[in-house]
Structure formats: C-alpha cells, structure tokens
Amino acid sequence: MKFTPLLLALGLTLAACGDKEDADSAAPDGSDGSDATDGTDATDGADATDGTDETDGADDPSPSITTGGMACVPATSGPEAIVAQLEVADPQGADTVPAGFLRATRGGSVIFDDLALVCGRTGACTASFRSEDYGTSCIEAPDLVFEGMVTDEDGNSSAWTVLPWEG
C-alpha cells in the first residue's frame, strides 16, 4: 500500500494538466494547434481509409475507371451485340490493368457478373457479348444497370463504377 499516495499524487497532477487553455499554446494561425478532428493528421488514423481526406488518395495503389459507357451494335451481318468501352487509370501505369469485371443488374437482381473486360496497354478496356450470351438484348439493355470493376497486376481493384447506357 506504499504506492497509494504516489498514485493519488500522479492522478491529481494529470487532472491539473488536463484541459487548461493557455494563449501561449495557440498556433501562429490562432488555432490551438490540434488537427485531430479535421482529418489531416496522419497519425490519428481517424480517416485513413474513408477516402474523404485529400491526402488519403495519394497513396492509394488501386486503379480507377475514369470514363465509360455501354452501347448496342445492331445486327448487320450477324447477331446484335452489346459493347462496353471504358478508360482506366492506375498509379503504376494503365498498362498494369489487364482485365476487369462487367456486371448487369435489374431491380437489384444480378443478371450477370463476369470477367469480361479486356484492357490494352493504353488503359482502354472493352467487352462485347451477344444477346444469347446473357439473355438480354439491345431492347432490354437500357433498363439494366451496368457496372465495371478493374484489377491491376498487383491485385488492387477499383470501385464498381456505373457505366451509363449510351445507345
């Protein structure tokens, strides 16, 4: 029980040093110098993965889909086809993104989800399929929600991105 007075003294000392406001401790800009709540402090970890801090994305190794869309190629000498075209970017270079997934949903139900996108060295990715491949046609396709997701050679994946119907 010799430590009781020592622990009591330590507790009182810490309590006295707690939330004391001191004008001399203010930062030159008038703030208190604390940035723990503004999301910019790299050591607080509060927003390390939420993507809202401007500096968080700088170290993200994941590829991204920058533009894209879906269209119909009418039947001329063969069956009609639905085509996806999109552009990707990757911090390691667009040439490190070889492929990706294409997904279509209707009313929350998945119509298909397939490794269908093939990407070139310049970051251009395409996919095409015939109506009978997935049971949808150019007439039904505008009612579907199409999304794409790409993965780079390191296994980093982009977010699912809606690919609008362009006709």
Foldseek 3Di string as FASTA:
>chain_A
DVCVVVVVVVVVVCVVVDPDDDQVCCDPVRHNPDDLPVPPDPPNPPCLPVPPDPCNVVPQQAKEWDAKAKEWDPDDPDAIKIKIKTFMAGPVALQQWAWKWKWKDAPPHTLDIDGFWGAHRHRIIMGMDGCVVRVHHNVCVQRIWMWMKIAGNVGHIYDTGTHHYDD
